[in-house]
Amino acid sequence: MKNEMIIDGVAWVPKSQNTAPTLDGMKYCIVRTYSAGVFAGYVESQDGQEVVMREARRLWQWAGAASLSQMAMSGTNKPADCKFPEPVNRVTLTQGIEVIECTPKAMKSIKEVEIWQA
């Protein structure tokens, strides 16, 4: 990877390459809820378990990542096997139990998955 530095066997990259992309200051994240599923989009606000997201896609079914943590860091390496419907302008999730910031690489990967329609 460009701009990578190895220190004691650990790869370090500049912060700008590893931080969540923003839209008007909102970070791009994956949010797992208790009963509504998993969403990827920009977090507008969070108050306890209530999370408001913008440009949010439901990650209905994914492949190419072993976990949501890996999805947030690397994205999917099997986009054709993912089922992500079109994004909604704004959604309020009332039982957000996990919020994971995405890297720019992951955000690009998620956004590039073709819109799934039944």
PDB file of N, CA and C in Angstrom:
ATOM      1  N   MET A   1       0.851  -1.182   0.000  1.00  0.00           N
ATOM      2  CA  MET A   1       0.000   0.000   0.000  1.00  0.00           C
ATOM      3  C   MET A   1       0.894   1.241   0.000  1.00  0.00           C
ATOM      4  N   LYS A   2       0.518   2.246  -0.736  1.00  0.00           N
ATOM      5  CA  LYS A   2       1.272   3.497  -0.757  1.00  0.00           C
ATOM      6  C   LYS A   2       1.148   4.205   0.584  1.00  0.00           C
ATOM      7  N   ASN A   3       2.188   4.963   0.939  1.00  0.00           N
ATOM      8  CA  ASN A   3       2.210   5.746   2.176  1.00  0.00           C
ATOM      9  C   ASN A   3       2.066   4.873   3.416  1.00  0.00           C
ATOM     10  N   GLU A   4       2.549   3.646   3.339  1.00  0.00           N
ATOM     11  CA  GLU A   4       2.477   2.731   4.472  1.00  0.00           C
ATOM     12  C   GLU A   4       3.844   2.677   5.141  1.00  0.00           C
ATOM     13  N   MET A   5       3.870   2.608   6.459  1.00  0.00           N
ATOM     14  CA  MET A   5       5.111   2.517   7.199  1.00  0.00           C
ATOM     15  C   MET A   5       5.016   1.279   8.098  1.00  0.00           C
ATOM     16  N   ILE A   6       6.071   0.472   8.122  1.00  0.00           N
ATOM     17  CA  ILE A   6       6.099  -0.722   8.959  1.00  0.00           C
ATOM     18  C   ILE A   6       6.939  -0.422  10.197  1.00  0.00           C
ATOM     19  N   ILE A   7       6.338  -0.588  11.372  1.00  0.00           N
ATOM     20  CA  ILE A   7       7.038  -0.400  12.644  1.00  0.00           C
ATOM     21  C   ILE A   7       6.797  -1.640  13.480  1.00  0.00           C
ATOM     22  N   ASP A   8       7.874  -2.329  13.833  1.00  0.00           N
ATOM     23  CA  ASP A   8       7.777  -3.564  14.613  1.00  0.00           C
ATOM     24  C   ASP A   8       6.768  -4.540  14.013  1.00  0.00           C
ATOM     25  N   GLY A   9       6.781  -4.649  12.691  1.00  0.00           N
ATOM     26  CA  GLY A   9       5.913  -5.606  12.017  1.00  0.00           C
ATOM     27  C   GLY A   9       4.470  -5.155  11.833  1.00  0.00           C
ATOM     28  N   VAL A  10       4.125  -3.940  12.266  1.00  0.00           N
ATOM     29  CA  VAL A  10       2.774  -3.422  12.136  1.00  0.00           C
ATOM     30  C   VAL A  10       2.743  -2.366  11.038  1.00  0.00           C
ATOM     31  N   ALA A  11       1.784  -2.491  10.094  1.00  0.00           N
ATOM     32  CA  ALA A  11       1.638  -1.520   9.015  1.00  0.00           C
ATOM     33  C   ALA A  11       0.823  -0.330   9.509  1.00  0.00           C
ATOM     34  N   TRP A  12       1.342   0.859   9.344  1.00  0.00           N
ATOM     35  CA  TRP A  12       0.662   2.097   9.727  1.00  0.00           C
ATOM     36  C   TRP A  12       0.436   2.922   8.475  1.00  0.00           C
ATOM     37  N   VAL A  13      -0.748   3.545   8.370  1.00  0.00           N
ATOM     38  CA  VAL A  13      -1.053   4.417   7.243  1.00  0.00           C
ATOM     39  C   VAL A  13      -1.471   5.776   7.786  1.00  0.00           C
ATOM     40  N   PRO A  14      -1.302   6.828   6.986  1.00  0.00           N
ATOM     41  CA  PRO A  14      -1.737   8.146   7.460  1.00  0.00           C
ATOM     42  C   PRO A  14      -3.217   8.128   7.825  1.00  0.00           C
ATOM     43  N   LYS A  15      -3.575   8.882   8.821  1.00  0.00           N
ATOM     44  CA  LYS A  15      -4.955   8.925   9.314  1.00  0.00           C
ATOM     45  C   LYS A  15      -5.952   9.216   8.208  1.00  0.00           C
ATOM     46  N   SER A  16      -5.614  10.078   7.283  1.00  0.00           N
ATOM     47  CA  SER A  16      -6.546  10.448   6.219  1.00  0.00           C
ATOM     48  C   SER A  16      -6.941   9.262   5.350  1.00  0.00           C
ATOM     49  N   GLN A  17      -6.125   8.197   5.318  1.00  0.00           N
ATOM     50  CA  GLN A  17      -6.449   7.032   4.507  1.00  0.00           C
ATOM     51  C   GLN A  17      -7.270   6.013   5.282  1.00  0.00           C
ATOM     52  N   ASN A  18      -7.412   6.191   6.575  1.00  0.00           N
ATOM     53  CA  ASN A  18      -8.025   5.150   7.388  1.00  0.00           C
ATOM     54  C   ASN A  18      -9.206   5.657   8.209  1.00  0.00           C
ATOM     55  N   THR A  19      -9.677   6.866   7.949  1.00  0.00           N
ATOM     56  CA  THR A  19     -10.790   7.406   8.719  1.00  0.00           C
ATOM     57  C   THR A  19     -12.072   7.396   7.897  1.00  0.00           C
ATOM     58  N   ALA A  20     -13.168   7.405   8.607  1.00  0.00           N
ATOM     59  CA  ALA A  20     -14.465   7.353   7.946  1.00  0.00           C
ATOM     60  C   ALA A  20     -14.670   8.573   7.061  1.00  0.00           C
ATOM     61  N   PRO A  21     -15.092   8.353   5.808  1.00  0.00           N
ATOM     62  CA  PRO A  21     -15.419   9.477   4.933  1.00  0.00           C
ATOM     63  C   PRO A  21     -16.606  10.254   5.508  1.00  0.00           C
ATOM     64  N   THR A  22     -16.666  11.535   5.210  1.00  0.00           N
ATOM     65  CA  THR A  22     -17.743  12.350   5.757  1.00  0.00           C
ATOM     66  C   THR A  22     -18.563  13.021   4.659  1.00  0.00           C
ATOM     67  N   LEU A  23     -19.784  13.369   5.019  1.00  0.00           N
ATOM     68  CA  LEU A  23     -20.682  14.157   4.189  1.00  0.00           C
ATOM     69  C   LEU A  23     -21.184  15.256   5.101  1.00  0.00           C
ATOM     70  N   ASP A  24     -20.785  16.470   4.861  1.00  0.00           N
ATOM     71  CA  ASP A  24     -21.152  17.588   5.737  1.00  0.00           C
ATOM     72  C   ASP A  24     -20.845  17.264   7.203  1.00  0.00           C
ATOM     73  N   GLY A  25     -19.700  16.629   7.443  1.00  0.00           N
ATOM     74  CA  GLY A  25     -19.288  16.301   8.799  1.00  0.00           C
ATOM     75  C   GLY A  25     -19.849  14.996   9.341  1.00  0.00           C
ATOM     76  N   MET A  26     -20.738  14.324   8.593  1.00  0.00           N
ATOM     77  CA  MET A  26     -21.303  13.049   9.044  1.00  0.00           C
ATOM     78  C   MET A  26     -20.389  11.912   8.579  1.00  0.00           C
ATOM     79  N   LYS A  27     -20.086  10.979   9.471  1.00  0.00           N
ATOM     80  CA  LYS A  27     -19.214   9.860   9.131  1.00  0.00           C
ATOM     81  C   LYS A  27     -19.998   8.715   8.495  1.00  0.00           C
ATOM     82  N   TYR A  28     -19.362   8.042   7.540  1.00  0.00           N
ATOM     83  CA  TYR A  28     -19.952   6.879   6.881  1.00  0.00           C
ATOM     84  C   TYR A  28     -19.693   5.670   7.767  1.00  0.00           C
ATOM     85  N   CYS A  29     -20.760   5.000   8.175  1.00  0.00           N
ATOM     86  CA  CYS A  29     -20.666   3.900   9.126  1.00  0.00           C
ATOM     87  C   CYS A  29     -21.593   2.757   8.745  1.00  0.00           C
ATOM     88  N   ILE A  30     -21.324   1.613   9.350  1.00  0.00           N
ATOM     89  CA  ILE A  30     -22.248   0.485   9.317  1.00  0.00           C
ATOM     90  C   ILE A  30     -22.907   0.438  10.685  1.00  0.00           C
ATOM     91  N   VAL A  31     -24.234   0.337  10.692  1.00  0.00           N
ATOM     92  CA  VAL A  31     -24.985   0.265  11.947  1.00  0.00           C
ATOM     93  C   VAL A  31     -25.769  -1.046  11.972  1.00  0.00           C
ATOM     94  N   ARG A  32     -25.529  -1.829  13.008  1.00  0.00           N
ATOM     95  CA  ARG A  32     -26.286  -3.067  13.214  1.00  0.00           C
ATOM     96  C   ARG A  32     -27.354  -2.776  14.248  1.00  0.00           C
ATOM     97  N   THR A  33     -28.577  -3.183  13.941  1.00  0.00           N
ATOM     98  CA  THR A  33     -29.683  -2.944  14.861  1.00  0.00           C
ATOM     99  C   THR A  33     -30.114  -4.257  15.515  1.00  0.00           C
ATOM    100  N   TYR A  34     -30.949  -4.119  16.531  1.00  0.00           N
ATOM    101  CA  TYR A  34     -31.446  -5.289  17.232  1.00  0.00           C
ATOM    102  C   TYR A  34     -32.397  -6.105  16.360  1.00  0.00           C
ATOM    103  N   SER A  35     -33.291  -5.429  15.624  1.00  0.00           N
ATOM    104  CA  SER A  35     -34.290  -6.180  14.870  1.00  0.00           C
ATOM    105  C   SER A  35     -34.546  -5.678  13.447  1.00  0.00           C
ATOM    106  N   ALA A  36     -33.950  -4.564  13.042  1.00  0.00           N
ATOM    107  CA  ALA A  36     -34.222  -4.024  11.710  1.00  0.00           C
ATOM    108  C   ALA A  36     -33.137  -4.358  10.697  1.00  0.00           C
ATOM    109  N   GLY A  37     -32.096  -5.045  11.122  1.00  0.00           N
ATOM    110  CA  GLY A  37     -31.034  -5.417  10.200  1.00  0.00           C
ATOM    111  C   GLY A  37     -29.826  -4.519  10.292  1.00  0.00           C
ATOM    112  N   VAL A  38     -29.087  -4.454   9.182  1.00  0.00           N
ATOM    113  CA  VAL A  38     -27.813  -3.732   9.113  1.00  0.00           C
ATOM    114  C   VAL A  38     -27.913  -2.673   8.021  1.00  0.00           C
ATOM    115  N   PHE A  39     -27.394  -1.486   8.307  1.00  0.00           N
ATOM    116  CA  PHE A  39     -27.428  -0.367   7.372  1.00  0.00           C
ATOM    117  C   PHE A  39     -26.037   0.230   7.215  1.00  0.00           C
ATOM    118  N   ALA A  40     -25.744   0.765   6.043  1.00  0.00           N
ATOM    119  CA  ALA A  40     -24.512   1.505   5.796  1.00  0.00           C
ATOM    120  C   ALA A  40     -24.897   2.871   5.267  1.00  0.00           C
ATOM    121  N   GLY A  41     -24.327   3.909   5.845  1.00  0.00           N
ATOM    122  CA  GLY A  41     -24.627   5.265   5.408  1.00  0.00           C
ATOM    123  C   GLY A  41     -23.986   6.269   6.338  1.00  0.00           C
ATOM    124  N   TYR A  42     -24.398   7.510   6.195  1.00  0.00           N
ATOM    125  CA  TYR A  42     -23.836   8.598   6.996  1.00  0.00           C
ATOM    126  C   TYR A  42     -24.643   8.755   8.287  1.00  0.00           C
ATOM    127  N   VAL A  43     -23.963   8.759   9.421  1.00  0.00           N
ATOM    128  CA  VAL A  43     -24.635   8.926  10.711  1.00  0.00           C
ATOM    129  C   VAL A  43     -24.829  10.415  10.969  1.00  0.00           C
ATOM    130  N   GLU A  44     -26.098  10.818  10.971  1.00  0.00           N
ATOM    131  CA  GLU A  44     -26.459  12.223  11.225  1.00  0.00           C
ATOM    132  C   GLU A  44     -26.431  12.514  12.717  1.00  0.00           C
ATOM    133  N   SER A  45     -26.958  11.563  13.502  1.00  0.00           N
ATOM    134  CA  SER A  45     -26.958  11.747  14.954  1.00  0.00           C
ATOM    135  C   SER A  45     -27.124  10.398  15.637  1.00  0.00           C
ATOM    136  N   GLN A  46     -26.722  10.382  16.901  1.00  0.00           N
ATOM    137  CA  GLN A  46     -26.905   9.199  17.726  1.00  0.00           C
ATOM    138  C   GLN A  46     -27.222   9.664  19.135  1.00  0.00           C
ATOM    139  N   ASP A  47     -28.309   9.121  19.685  1.00  0.00           N
ATOM    140  CA  ASP A  47     -28.732   9.418  21.053  1.00  0.00           C
ATOM    141  C   ASP A  47     -29.066   8.083  21.697  1.00  0.00           C
ATOM    142  N   GLY A  48     -28.137   7.530  22.455  1.00  0.00           N
ATOM    143  CA  GLY A  48     -28.329   6.189  22.993  1.00  0.00           C
ATOM    144  C   GLY A  48     -28.408   5.203  21.848  1.00  0.00           C
ATOM    145  N   GLN A  49     -29.482   4.423  21.803  1.00  0.00           N
ATOM    146  CA  GLN A  49     -29.646   3.442  20.729  1.00  0.00           C
ATOM    147  C   GLN A  49     -30.342   4.008  19.498  1.00  0.00           C
ATOM    148  N   GLU A  50     -30.793   5.254  19.554  1.00  0.00           N
ATOM    149  CA  GLU A  50     -31.421   5.855  18.379  1.00  0.00           C
ATOM    150  C   GLU A  50     -30.348   6.450  17.472  1.00  0.00           C
ATOM    151  N   VAL A  51     -30.308   5.944  16.247  1.00  0.00           N
ATOM    152  CA  VAL A  51     -29.324   6.401  15.273  1.00  0.00           C
ATOM    153  C   VAL A  51     -30.069   6.894  14.037  1.00  0.00           C
ATOM    154  N   VAL A  52     -29.791   8.115  13.620  1.00  0.00           N
ATOM    155  CA  VAL A  52     -30.382   8.682  12.406  1.00  0.00           C
ATOM    156  C   VAL A  52     -29.312   8.644  11.327  1.00  0.00           C
ATOM    157  N   MET A  53     -29.674   8.060  10.177  1.00  0.00           N
ATOM    158  CA  MET A  53     -28.721   7.927   9.076  1.00  0.00           C
ATOM    159  C   MET A  53     -29.245   8.600   7.823  1.00  0.00           C
ATOM    160  N   ARG A  54     -28.320   9.062   6.989  1.00  0.00           N
ATOM    161  CA  ARG A  54     -28.628   9.652   5.683  1.00  0.00           C
ATOM    162  C   ARG A  54     -28.003   8.776   4.608  1.00  0.00           C
ATOM    163  N   GLU A  55     -28.617   8.775   3.419  1.00  0.00           N
ATOM    164  CA  GLU A  55     -28.129   7.983   2.286  1.00  0.00           C
ATOM    165  C   GLU A  55     -27.797   6.562   2.738  1.00  0.00           C
ATOM    166  N   ALA A  56     -28.721   5.934   3.451  1.00  0.00           N
ATOM    167  CA  ALA A  56     -28.489   4.633   4.073  1.00  0.00           C
ATOM    168  C   ALA A  56     -28.976   3.481   3.209  1.00  0.00           C
ATOM    169  N   ARG A  57     -28.117   2.491   3.047  1.00  0.00           N
ATOM    170  CA  ARG A  57     -28.473   1.254   2.340  1.00  0.00           C
ATOM    171  C   ARG A  57     -28.587   0.128   3.357  1.00  0.00           C
ATOM    172  N   ARG A  58     -29.636  -0.667   3.239  1.00  0.00           N
ATOM    173  CA  ARG A  58     -29.769  -1.858   4.076  1.00  0.00           C
ATOM    174  C   ARG A  58     -28.850  -2.926   3.484  1.00  0.00           C
ATOM    175  N   LEU A  59     -27.999  -3.492   4.304  1.00  0.00           N
ATOM    176  CA  LEU A  59     -27.127  -4.580   3.860  1.00  0.00           C
ATOM    177  C   LEU A  59     -27.891  -5.876   4.117  1.00  0.00           C
ATOM    178  N   TRP A  60     -28.795  -6.184   3.189  1.00  0.00           N
ATOM    179  CA  TRP A  60     -29.726  -7.292   3.379  1.00  0.00           C
ATOM    180  C   TRP A  60     -29.015  -8.634   3.373  1.00  0.00           C
ATOM    181  N   GLN A  61     -28.077  -8.790   2.457  1.00  0.00           N
ATOM    182  CA  GLN A  61     -27.284 -10.020   2.395  1.00  0.00           C
ATOM    183  C   GLN A  61     -25.919  -9.651   1.847  1.00  0.00           C
ATOM    184  N   TRP A  62     -24.861 -10.150   2.492  1.00  0.00           N
ATOM    185  CA  TRP A  62     -23.537  -9.819   1.992  1.00  0.00           C
ATOM    186  C   TRP A  62     -22.673 -11.064   1.889  1.00  0.00           C
ATOM    187  N   ALA A  63     -21.653 -10.951   1.062  1.00  0.00           N
ATOM    188  CA  ALA A  63     -20.653 -11.992   0.878  1.00  0.00           C
ATOM    189  C   ALA A  63     -19.319 -11.276   0.684  1.00  0.00           C
ATOM    190  N   GLY A  64     -18.245 -12.002   0.817  1.00  0.00           N
ATOM    191  CA  GLY A  64     -16.940 -11.401   0.571  1.00  0.00           C
ATOM    192  C   GLY A  64     -16.376 -10.642   1.750  1.00  0.00           C
ATOM    193  N   ALA A  65     -16.977 -10.806   2.924  1.00  0.00           N
ATOM    194  CA  ALA A  65     -16.454 -10.253   4.171  1.00  0.00           C
ATOM    195  C   ALA A  65     -16.922 -11.195   5.279  1.00  0.00           C
ATOM    196  N   ALA A  66     -16.002 -11.564   6.152  1.00  0.00           N
ATOM    197  CA  ALA A  66     -16.323 -12.545   7.191  1.00  0.00           C
ATOM    198  C   ALA A  66     -17.217 -11.983   8.290  1.00  0.00           C
ATOM    199  N   SER A  67     -17.207 -10.667   8.462  1.00  0.00           N
ATOM    200  CA  SER A  67     -17.973 -10.025   9.530  1.00  0.00           C
ATOM    201  C   SER A  67     -18.270  -8.589   9.138  1.00  0.00           C
ATOM    202  N   LEU A  68     -19.110  -7.937   9.923  1.00  0.00           N
ATOM    203  CA  LEU A  68     -19.369  -6.508   9.676  1.00  0.00           C
ATOM    204  C   LEU A  68     -18.111  -5.691   9.935  1.00  0.00           C
ATOM    205  N   SER A  69     -17.294  -6.122  10.859  1.00  0.00           N
ATOM    206  CA  SER A  69     -16.033  -5.423  11.128  1.00  0.00           C
ATOM    207  C   SER A  69     -15.148  -5.440   9.885  1.00  0.00           C
ATOM    208  N   GLN A  70     -15.042  -6.606   9.246  1.00  0.00           N
ATOM    209  CA  GLN A  70     -14.240  -6.692   8.026  1.00  0.00           C
ATOM    210  C   GLN A  70     -14.880  -5.878   6.908  1.00  0.00           C
ATOM    211  N   MET A  71     -16.214  -5.900   6.818  1.00  0.00           N
ATOM    212  CA  MET A  71     -16.912  -5.107   5.811  1.00  0.00           C
ATOM    213  C   MET A  71     -16.595  -3.622   5.999  1.00  0.00           C
ATOM    214  N   ALA A  72     -16.541  -3.164   7.252  1.00  0.00           N
ATOM    215  CA  ALA A  72     -16.273  -1.750   7.537  1.00  0.00           C
ATOM    216  C   ALA A  72     -14.828  -1.361   7.236  1.00  0.00           C
ATOM    217  N   MET A  73     -13.930  -2.317   7.281  1.00  0.00           N
ATOM    218  CA  MET A  73     -12.520  -2.021   7.015  1.00  0.00           C
ATOM    219  C   MET A  73     -12.146  -2.214   5.549  1.00  0.00           C
ATOM    220  N   SER A  74     -12.628  -3.297   4.935  1.00  0.00           N
ATOM    221  CA  SER A  74     -12.189  -3.663   3.589  1.00  0.00           C
ATOM    222  C   SER A  74     -13.289  -3.658   2.539  1.00  0.00           C
ATOM    223  N   GLY A  75     -14.544  -3.661   2.967  1.00  0.00           N
ATOM    224  CA  GLY A  75     -15.638  -3.780   2.012  1.00  0.00           C
ATOM    225  C   GLY A  75     -15.814  -5.222   1.603  1.00  0.00           C
ATOM    226  N   THR A  76     -16.474  -5.436   0.488  1.00  0.00           N
ATOM    227  CA  THR A  76     -16.721  -6.792  -0.001  1.00  0.00           C
ATOM    228  C   THR A  76     -15.823  -7.099  -1.190  1.00  0.00           C
ATOM    229  N   ASN A  77     -15.354  -8.339  -1.267  1.00  0.00           N
ATOM    230  CA  ASN A  77     -14.615  -8.738  -2.464  1.00  0.00           C
ATOM    231  C   ASN A  77     -15.485  -9.607  -3.376  1.00  0.00           C
ATOM    232  N   LYS A  78     -16.786  -9.680  -3.044  1.00  0.00           N
ATOM    233  CA  LYS A  78     -17.749 -10.410  -3.877  1.00  0.00           C
ATOM    234  C   LYS A  78     -19.014  -9.557  -4.059  1.00  0.00           C
ATOM    235  N   PRO A  79     -18.898  -8.400  -4.686  1.00  0.00           N
ATOM    236  CA  PRO A  79     -20.052  -7.500  -4.805  1.00  0.00           C
ATOM    237  C   PRO A  79     -21.234  -8.111  -5.557  1.00  0.00           C
ATOM    238  N   ALA A  80     -20.986  -9.006  -6.504  1.00  0.00           N
ATOM    239  CA  ALA A  80     -22.082  -9.608  -7.266  1.00  0.00           C
ATOM    240  C   ALA A  80     -22.933 -10.535  -6.406  1.00  0.00           C
ATOM    241  N   ASP A  81     -22.389 -10.970  -5.280  1.00  0.00           N
ATOM    242  CA  ASP A  81     -23.125 -11.871  -4.386  1.00  0.00           C
ATOM    243  C   ASP A  81     -23.832 -11.132  -3.252  1.00  0.00           C
ATOM    244  N   CYS A  82     -23.769  -9.810  -3.258  1.00  0.00           N
ATOM    245  CA  CYS A  82     -24.399  -9.007  -2.209  1.00  0.00           C
ATOM    246  C   CYS A  82     -25.783  -8.542  -2.657  1.00  0.00           C
ATOM    247  N   LYS A  83     -26.666  -8.360  -1.686  1.00  0.00           N
ATOM    248  CA  LYS A  83     -27.995  -7.822  -1.953  1.00  0.00           C
ATOM    249  C   LYS A  83     -28.181  -6.575  -1.094  1.00  0.00           C
ATOM    250  N   PHE A  84     -27.900  -5.423  -1.696  1.00  0.00           N
ATOM    251  CA  PHE A  84     -28.045  -4.131  -1.038  1.00  0.00           C
ATOM    252  C   PHE A  84     -29.062  -3.318  -1.839  1.00  0.00           C
ATOM    253  N   PRO A  85     -30.285  -3.112  -1.312  1.00  0.00           N
ATOM    254  CA  PRO A  85     -31.258  -2.284  -2.025  1.00  0.00           C
ATOM    255  C   PRO A  85     -30.785  -0.828  -2.145  1.00  0.00           C
ATOM    256  N   GLU A  86     -31.585  -0.034  -2.861  1.00  0.00           N
ATOM    257  CA  GLU A  86     -31.232   1.375  -3.058  1.00  0.00           C
ATOM    258  C   GLU A  86     -31.214   2.114  -1.721  1.00  0.00           C
ATOM    259  N   PRO A  87     -30.419   3.190  -1.631  1.00  0.00           N
ATOM    260  CA  PRO A  87     -30.371   3.955  -0.383  1.00  0.00           C
ATOM    261  C   PRO A  87     -31.646   4.764  -0.157  1.00  0.00           C
ATOM    262  N   VAL A  88     -31.961   4.972   1.103  1.00  0.00           N
ATOM    263  CA  VAL A  88     -33.054   5.867   1.467  1.00  0.00           C
ATOM    264  C   VAL A  88     -32.437   7.200   1.886  1.00  0.00           C
ATOM    265  N   ASN A  89     -33.191   8.283   1.715  1.00  0.00           N
ATOM    266  CA  ASN A  89     -32.661   9.607   2.054  1.00  0.00           C
ATOM    267  C   ASN A  89     -32.333   9.740   3.536  1.00  0.00           C
ATOM    268  N   ARG A  90     -33.234   9.191   4.377  1.00  0.00           N
ATOM    269  CA  ARG A  90     -33.064   9.351   5.827  1.00  0.00           C
ATOM    270  C   ARG A  90     -33.824   8.235   6.520  1.00  0.00           C
ATOM    271  N   VAL A  91     -33.217   7.656   7.544  1.00  0.00           N
ATOM    272  CA  VAL A  91     -33.879   6.612   8.320  1.00  0.00           C
ATOM    273  C   VAL A  91     -33.517   6.795   9.787  1.00  0.00           C
ATOM    274  N   THR A  92     -34.493   6.565  10.661  1.00  0.00           N
ATOM    275  CA  THR A  92     -34.257   6.581  12.103  1.00  0.00           C
ATOM    276  C   THR A  92     -34.312   5.149  12.591  1.00  0.00           C
ATOM    277  N   LEU A  93     -33.220   4.693  13.137  1.00  0.00           N
ATOM    278  CA  LEU A  93     -33.117   3.341  13.685  1.00  0.00           C
ATOM    279  C   LEU A  93     -33.220   3.453  15.196  1.00  0.00           C
ATOM    280  N   THR A  94     -34.185   2.772  15.791  1.00  0.00           N
ATOM    281  CA  THR A  94     -34.444   2.955  17.224  1.00  0.00           C
ATOM    282  C   THR A  94     -33.706   1.977  18.119  1.00  0.00           C
ATOM    283  N   GLN A  95     -33.072   0.968  17.539  1.00  0.00           N
ATOM    284  CA  GLN A  95     -32.342   0.006  18.364  1.00  0.00           C
ATOM    285  C   GLN A  95     -30.964  -0.297  17.780  1.00  0.00           C
ATOM    286  N   GLY A  96     -30.173   0.755  17.561  1.00  0.00           N
ATOM    287  CA  GLY A  96     -28.818   0.577  17.060  1.00  0.00           C
ATOM    288  C   GLY A  96     -27.935   0.003  18.162  1.00  0.00           C
ATOM    289  N   ILE A  97     -27.359  -1.164  17.926  1.00  0.00           N
ATOM    290  CA  ILE A  97     -26.540  -1.785  18.962  1.00  0.00           C
ATOM    291  C   ILE A  97     -25.065  -1.852  18.604  1.00  0.00           C
ATOM    292  N   GLU A  98     -24.721  -1.478  17.374  1.00  0.00           N
ATOM    293  CA  GLU A  98     -23.315  -1.453  16.965  1.00  0.00           C
ATOM    294  C   GLU A  98     -23.150  -0.426  15.864  1.00  0.00           C
ATOM    295  N   VAL A  99     -22.195   0.474  16.029  1.00  0.00           N
ATOM    296  CA  VAL A  99     -21.878   1.484  15.020  1.00  0.00           C
ATOM    297  C   VAL A  99     -20.397   1.353  14.712  1.00  0.00           C
ATOM    298  N   ILE A 100     -20.076   1.044  13.451  1.00  0.00           N
ATOM    299  CA  ILE A 100     -18.689   0.828  13.046  1.00  0.00           C
ATOM    300  C   ILE A 100     -18.335   1.825  11.948  1.00  0.00           C
ATOM    301  N   GLU A 101     -17.322   2.651  12.179  1.00  0.00           N
ATOM    302  CA  GLU A 101     -16.873   3.596  11.156  1.00  0.00           C
ATOM    303  C   GLU A 101     -16.222   2.839  10.008  1.00  0.00           C
ATOM    304  N   CYS A 102     -16.499   3.284   8.787  1.00  0.00           N
ATOM    305  CA  CYS A 102     -15.942   2.648   7.590  1.00  0.00           C
ATOM    306  C   CYS A 102     -14.715   3.397   7.091  1.00  0.00           C
ATOM    307  N   THR A 103     -13.828   2.667   6.464  1.00  0.00           N
ATOM    308  CA  THR A 103     -12.698   3.276   5.782  1.00  0.00           C
ATOM    309  C   THR A 103     -13.179   3.759   4.410  1.00  0.00           C
ATOM    310  N   PRO A 104     -12.419   4.634   3.782  1.00  0.00           N
ATOM    311  CA  PRO A 104     -12.793   5.049   2.418  1.00  0.00           C
ATOM    312  C   PRO A 104     -12.902   3.856   1.463  1.00  0.00           C
ATOM    313  N   LYS A 105     -12.015   2.884   1.589  1.00  0.00           N
ATOM    314  CA  LYS A 105     -12.052   1.683   0.740  1.00  0.00           C
ATOM    315  C   LYS A 105     -13.366   0.926   0.925  1.00  0.00           C
ATOM    316  N   ALA A 106     -13.788   0.758   2.166  1.00  0.00           N
ATOM    317  CA  ALA A 106     -15.031   0.039   2.446  1.00  0.00           C
ATOM    318  C   ALA A 106     -16.241   0.804   1.915  1.00  0.00           C
ATOM    319  N   MET A 107     -16.267   2.116   2.145  1.00  0.00           N
ATOM    320  CA  MET A 107     -17.386   2.927   1.662  1.00  0.00           C
ATOM    321  C   MET A 107     -17.512   2.804   0.145  1.00  0.00           C
ATOM    322  N   LYS A 108     -16.414   2.911  -0.557  1.00  0.00           N
ATOM    323  CA  LYS A 108     -16.420   2.807  -2.019  1.00  0.00           C
ATOM    324  C   LYS A 108     -16.969   1.445  -2.440  1.00  0.00           C
ATOM    325  N   SER A 109     -16.510   0.404  -1.787  1.00  0.00           N
ATOM    326  CA  SER A 109     -16.955  -0.949  -2.101  1.00  0.00           C
ATOM    327  C   SER A 109     -18.457  -1.118  -1.886  1.00  0.00           C
ATOM    328  N   ILE A 110     -18.964  -0.635  -0.768  1.00  0.00           N
ATOM    329  CA  ILE A 110     -20.392  -0.747  -0.448  1.00  0.00           C
ATOM    330  C   ILE A 110     -21.232   0.044  -1.453  1.00  0.00           C
ATOM    331  N   LYS A 111     -20.806   1.274  -1.729  1.00  0.00           N
ATOM    332  CA  LYS A 111     -21.565   2.112  -2.657  1.00  0.00           C
ATOM    333  C   LYS A 111     -21.567   1.568  -4.086  1.00  0.00           C
ATOM    334  N   GLU A 112     -20.525   0.799  -4.448  1.00  0.00           N
ATOM    335  CA  GLU A 112     -20.428   0.281  -5.809  1.00  0.00           C
ATOM    336  C   GLU A 112     -21.206  -1.010  -6.027  1.00  0.00           C
ATOM    337  N   VAL A 113     -21.744  -1.604  -4.965  1.00  0.00           N
ATOM    338  CA  VAL A 113     -22.573  -2.800  -5.139  1.00  0.00           C
ATOM    339  C   VAL A 113     -23.840  -2.383  -5.881  1.00  0.00           C
ATOM    340  N   GLU A 114     -24.156  -3.114  -6.949  1.00  0.00           N
ATOM    341  CA  GLU A 114     -25.353  -2.793  -7.728  1.00  0.00           C
ATOM    342  C   GLU A 114     -26.607  -2.845  -6.870  1.00  0.00           C
ATOM    343  N   ILE A 115     -27.546  -1.954  -7.136  1.00  0.00           N
ATOM    344  CA  ILE A 115     -28.798  -1.919  -6.388  1.00  0.00           C
ATOM    345  C   ILE A 115     -29.572  -3.204  -6.669  1.00  0.00           C
ATOM    346  N   TRP A 116     -29.887  -3.902  -5.586  1.00  0.00           N
ATOM    347  CA  TRP A 116     -30.636  -5.162  -5.685  1.00  0.00           C
ATOM    348  C   TRP A 116     -32.120  -4.873  -5.660  1.00  0.00           C
ATOM    349  N   GLN A 117     -32.845  -5.525  -6.547  1.00  0.00           N
ATOM    350  CA  GLN A 117     -34.307  -5.424  -6.565  1.00  0.00           C
ATOM    351  C   GLN A 117     -34.880  -6.812  -6.696  1.00  0.00           C
ATOM    352  N   ALA A 118     -35.935  -7.074  -5.947  1.00  0.00           N
ATOM    353  CA  ALA A 118     -36.564  -8.408  -5.997  1.00  0.00           C
ATOM    354  C   ALA A 118     -37.327  -8.576  -7.287  1.00  0.00           C
TER     355      ALA A 118
END
